[in-house]
Amino acid sequence: MTITDLPYTAQVIAPDGRTWFFHDVGGVPLWLEDKPFRDTARIWTYSEGTWIDARTAWFARNEVTPMEYGFGGYREAGEGRVEYETMRQLMLRGENMTNPAVKRKLFIEDCH
């Protein structure tokens, strides 16, 4: 797949400089999980017109993203936003917008 829009994209840079690009930052934790450089790779996500360090970013959980995971990165904490490690755990457990029960729960929370 060709990346045509930058919002929600991500890139992972291994310590040796190899780089991978992702349509949706939510896919990064899934892909990295079995990599030996999982904890040392640099991770960037595109947000608000610039690349930001995903490990220090805050993630909204209910955005419309390319792969429908729902995580959008931001520099600042905000209502309902979670840190990278929490986003990683949610992705590994399948607790993202691709899960109909999670999507319904997040939608209901937004309506209140």
C-alpha atoms as a PDB file:
ATOM      1  CA  MET A   1       0.000   0.000   0.000  1.00  0.00           C
ATOM      2  CA  THR A   2       1.167   3.493  -0.764  1.00  0.00           C
ATOM      3  CA  ILE A   3       0.901   6.108   1.966  1.00  0.00           C
ATOM      4  CA  THR A   4      -0.943   9.044   0.424  1.00  0.00           C
ATOM      5  CA  ASP A   5      -1.906  11.085   3.509  1.00  0.00           C
ATOM      6  CA  LEU A   6       0.368  11.833   6.456  1.00  0.00           C
ATOM      7  CA  PRO A   7      -2.123  12.177   9.342  1.00  0.00           C
ATOM      8  CA  TYR A   8      -1.983   9.124  11.652  1.00  0.00           C
ATOM      9  CA  THR A   9       1.036   7.652   9.880  1.00  0.00           C
ATOM     10  CA  ALA A  10       4.087   6.443  11.761  1.00  0.00           C
ATOM     11  CA  GLN A  11       7.665   5.440  11.180  1.00  0.00           C
ATOM     12  CA  VAL A  12       9.893   3.113  13.134  1.00  0.00           C
ATOM     13  CA  ILE A  13      13.657   3.527  13.022  1.00  0.00           C
ATOM     14  CA  ALA A  14      15.770   0.634  14.315  1.00  0.00           C
ATOM     15  CA  PRO A  15      19.069   1.370  16.076  1.00  0.00           C
ATOM     16  CA  ASP A  16      20.919   0.383  12.875  1.00  0.00           C
ATOM     17  CA  GLY A  17      18.958   2.972  10.860  1.00  0.00           C
ATOM     18  CA  ARG A  18      16.548   0.652   9.056  1.00  0.00           C
ATOM     19  CA  THR A  19      13.202   2.415   8.737  1.00  0.00           C
ATOM     20  CA  TRP A  20       9.623   1.191   8.264  1.00  0.00           C
ATOM     21  CA  PHE A  21       6.523   3.271   7.549  1.00  0.00           C
ATOM     22  CA  PHE A  22       2.950   2.603   8.663  1.00  0.00           C
ATOM     23  CA  HIS A  23      -0.414   3.949   7.508  1.00  0.00           C
ATOM     24  CA  ASP A  24      -1.721   3.923  11.065  1.00  0.00           C
ATOM     25  CA  VAL A  25       0.274   4.358  14.276  1.00  0.00           C
ATOM     26  CA  GLY A  26      -1.884   1.663  15.891  1.00  0.00           C
ATOM     27  CA  GLY A  27      -0.146  -0.955  13.783  1.00  0.00           C
ATOM     28  CA  VAL A  28       3.275  -0.132  15.218  1.00  0.00           C
ATOM     29  CA  PRO A  29       2.952  -1.986  18.559  1.00  0.00           C
ATOM     30  CA  LEU A  30       1.608  -5.083  16.797  1.00  0.00           C
ATOM     31  CA  TRP A  31       4.498  -5.160  14.350  1.00  0.00           C
ATOM     32  CA  LEU A  32       7.177  -4.302  16.933  1.00  0.00           C
ATOM     33  CA  GLU A  33       6.116  -6.875  19.515  1.00  0.00           C
ATOM     34  CA  ASP A  34       8.466  -9.645  18.367  1.00  0.00           C
ATOM     35  CA  LYS A  35      11.332  -7.430  17.192  1.00  0.00           C
ATOM     36  CA  PRO A  36      14.594  -7.481  19.195  1.00  0.00           C
ATOM     37  CA  PHE A  37      14.745  -3.670  18.969  1.00  0.00           C
ATOM     38  CA  ARG A  38      11.179  -3.198  20.272  1.00  0.00           C
ATOM     39  CA  ASP A  39      12.325  -1.104  23.246  1.00  0.00           C
ATOM     40  CA  THR A  40      15.124   0.815  21.524  1.00  0.00           C
ATOM     41  CA  ALA A  41      13.569   1.791  18.174  1.00  0.00           C
ATOM     42  CA  ARG A  42      12.665   5.411  17.572  1.00  0.00           C
ATOM     43  CA  ILE A  43       8.959   5.791  16.811  1.00  0.00           C
ATOM     44  CA  TRP A  44       7.491   8.876  15.168  1.00  0.00           C
ATOM     45  CA  THR A  45       3.878   9.668  14.399  1.00  0.00           C
ATOM     46  CA  TYR A  46       2.545  12.469  12.239  1.00  0.00           C
ATOM     47  CA  SER A  47       0.282  14.874  14.067  1.00  0.00           C
ATOM     48  CA  GLU A  48      -0.880  18.425  13.612  1.00  0.00           C
ATOM     49  CA  GLY A  49       1.433  19.058  10.664  1.00  0.00           C
ATOM     50  CA  THR A  50       4.659  17.629  12.075  1.00  0.00           C
ATOM     51  CA  TRP A  51       6.378  14.439  13.242  1.00  0.00           C
ATOM     52  CA  ILE A  52       6.305  13.846  16.993  1.00  0.00           C
ATOM     53  CA  ASP A  53       7.964  11.237  19.190  1.00  0.00           C
ATOM     54  CA  ALA A  54       5.301   8.559  19.640  1.00  0.00           C
ATOM     55  CA  ARG A  55       6.831   7.346  22.896  1.00  0.00           C
ATOM     56  CA  THR A  56       6.123  10.723  24.521  1.00  0.00           C
ATOM     57  CA  ALA A  57       2.867  11.433  22.665  1.00  0.00           C
ATOM     58  CA  TRP A  58      -0.669  11.229  23.989  1.00  0.00           C
ATOM     59  CA  PHE A  59      -3.211   9.261  21.970  1.00  0.00           C
ATOM     60  CA  ALA A  60      -6.895   9.873  21.429  1.00  0.00           C
ATOM     61  CA  ARG A  61      -8.708   6.547  21.122  1.00  0.00           C
ATOM     62  CA  ASN A  62     -11.635   7.293  18.834  1.00  0.00           C
ATOM     63  CA  GLU A  63     -10.388   8.965  15.691  1.00  0.00           C
ATOM     64  CA  VAL A  64     -11.014   7.841  12.122  1.00  0.00           C
ATOM     65  CA  THR A  65      -7.641   6.394  11.109  1.00  0.00           C
ATOM     66  CA  PRO A  66      -6.517   4.588   7.943  1.00  0.00           C
ATOM     67  CA  MET A  67      -6.559   1.086   9.449  1.00  0.00           C
ATOM     68  CA  GLU A  68      -9.457   1.951  11.786  1.00  0.00           C
ATOM     69  CA  TYR A  69      -7.507   1.419  15.023  1.00  0.00           C
ATOM     70  CA  GLY A  70      -8.633   4.875  16.195  1.00  0.00           C
ATOM     71  CA  PHE A  71      -5.432   6.192  17.801  1.00  0.00           C
ATOM     72  CA  GLY A  72      -4.343   9.725  16.921  1.00  0.00           C
ATOM     73  CA  GLY A  73      -1.173  11.131  18.487  1.00  0.00           C
ATOM     74  CA  TYR A  74      -0.847  14.549  20.103  1.00  0.00           C
ATOM     75  CA  ARG A  75       1.939  16.437  21.877  1.00  0.00           C
ATOM     76  CA  GLU A  76      -0.256  17.284  24.833  1.00  0.00           C
ATOM     77  CA  ALA A  77      -2.382  15.282  27.240  1.00  0.00           C
ATOM     78  CA  GLY A  78      -6.098  15.825  26.844  1.00  0.00           C
ATOM     79  CA  GLU A  79      -9.417  14.389  27.880  1.00  0.00           C
ATOM     80  CA  GLY A  80      -9.513  10.684  27.096  1.00  0.00           C
ATOM     81  CA  ARG A  81      -5.969  10.602  25.721  1.00  0.00           C
ATOM     82  CA  VAL A  82      -3.582   7.849  26.803  1.00  0.00           C
ATOM     83  CA  GLU A  83       0.207   7.539  26.839  1.00  0.00           C
ATOM     84  CA  TYR A  84       2.089   5.373  24.326  1.00  0.00           C
ATOM     85  CA  GLU A  85       2.499   2.413  26.699  1.00  0.00           C
ATOM     86  CA  THR A  86      -1.248   2.342  27.351  1.00  0.00           C
ATOM     87  CA  MET A  87      -1.956   2.573  23.616  1.00  0.00           C
ATOM     88  CA  ARG A  88       0.486  -0.297  23.056  1.00  0.00           C
ATOM     89  CA  GLN A  89      -1.257  -2.481  25.629  1.00  0.00           C
ATOM     90  CA  LEU A  90      -4.681  -1.653  24.195  1.00  0.00           C
ATOM     91  CA  MET A  91      -3.496  -2.632  20.714  1.00  0.00           C
ATOM     92  CA  LEU A  92      -1.957  -5.892  21.923  1.00  0.00           C
ATOM     93  CA  ARG A  93      -5.233  -6.796  23.690  1.00  0.00           C
ATOM     94  CA  GLY A  94      -7.352  -5.862  20.656  1.00  0.00           C
ATOM     95  CA  GLU A  95      -9.017  -2.999  22.527  1.00  0.00           C
ATOM     96  CA  ASN A  96      -9.229  -0.543  19.662  1.00  0.00           C
ATOM     97  CA  MET A  97     -11.843   0.760  17.245  1.00  0.00           C
ATOM     98  CA  THR A  98     -11.675  -2.401  15.098  1.00  0.00           C
ATOM     99  CA  ASN A  99     -13.344  -4.194  18.022  1.00  0.00           C
ATOM    100  CA  PRO A 100     -17.109  -3.502  17.791  1.00  0.00           C
ATOM    101  CA  ALA A 101     -17.583  -3.632  21.582  1.00  0.00           C
ATOM    102  CA  VAL A 102     -14.802  -1.088  22.156  1.00  0.00           C
ATOM    103  CA  LYS A 103     -16.082   1.128  19.346  1.00  0.00           C
ATOM    104  CA  ARG A 104     -19.582   1.076  20.837  1.00  0.00           C
ATOM    105  CA  LYS A 105     -18.254   1.863  24.326  1.00  0.00           C
ATOM    106  CA  LEU A 106     -16.125   4.771  23.088  1.00  0.00           C
ATOM    107  CA  PHE A 107     -19.029   6.114  21.020  1.00  0.00           C
ATOM    108  CA  ILE A 108     -21.339   6.013  24.045  1.00  0.00           C
ATOM    109  CA  GLU A 109     -18.720   7.792  26.181  1.00  0.00           C
ATOM    110  CA  ASP A 110     -18.418  10.532  23.537  1.00  0.00           C
ATOM    111  CA  CYS A 111     -22.166  11.092  23.513  1.00  0.00           C
ATOM    112  CA  HIS A 112     -22.267  11.845  27.234  1.00  0.00           C
END
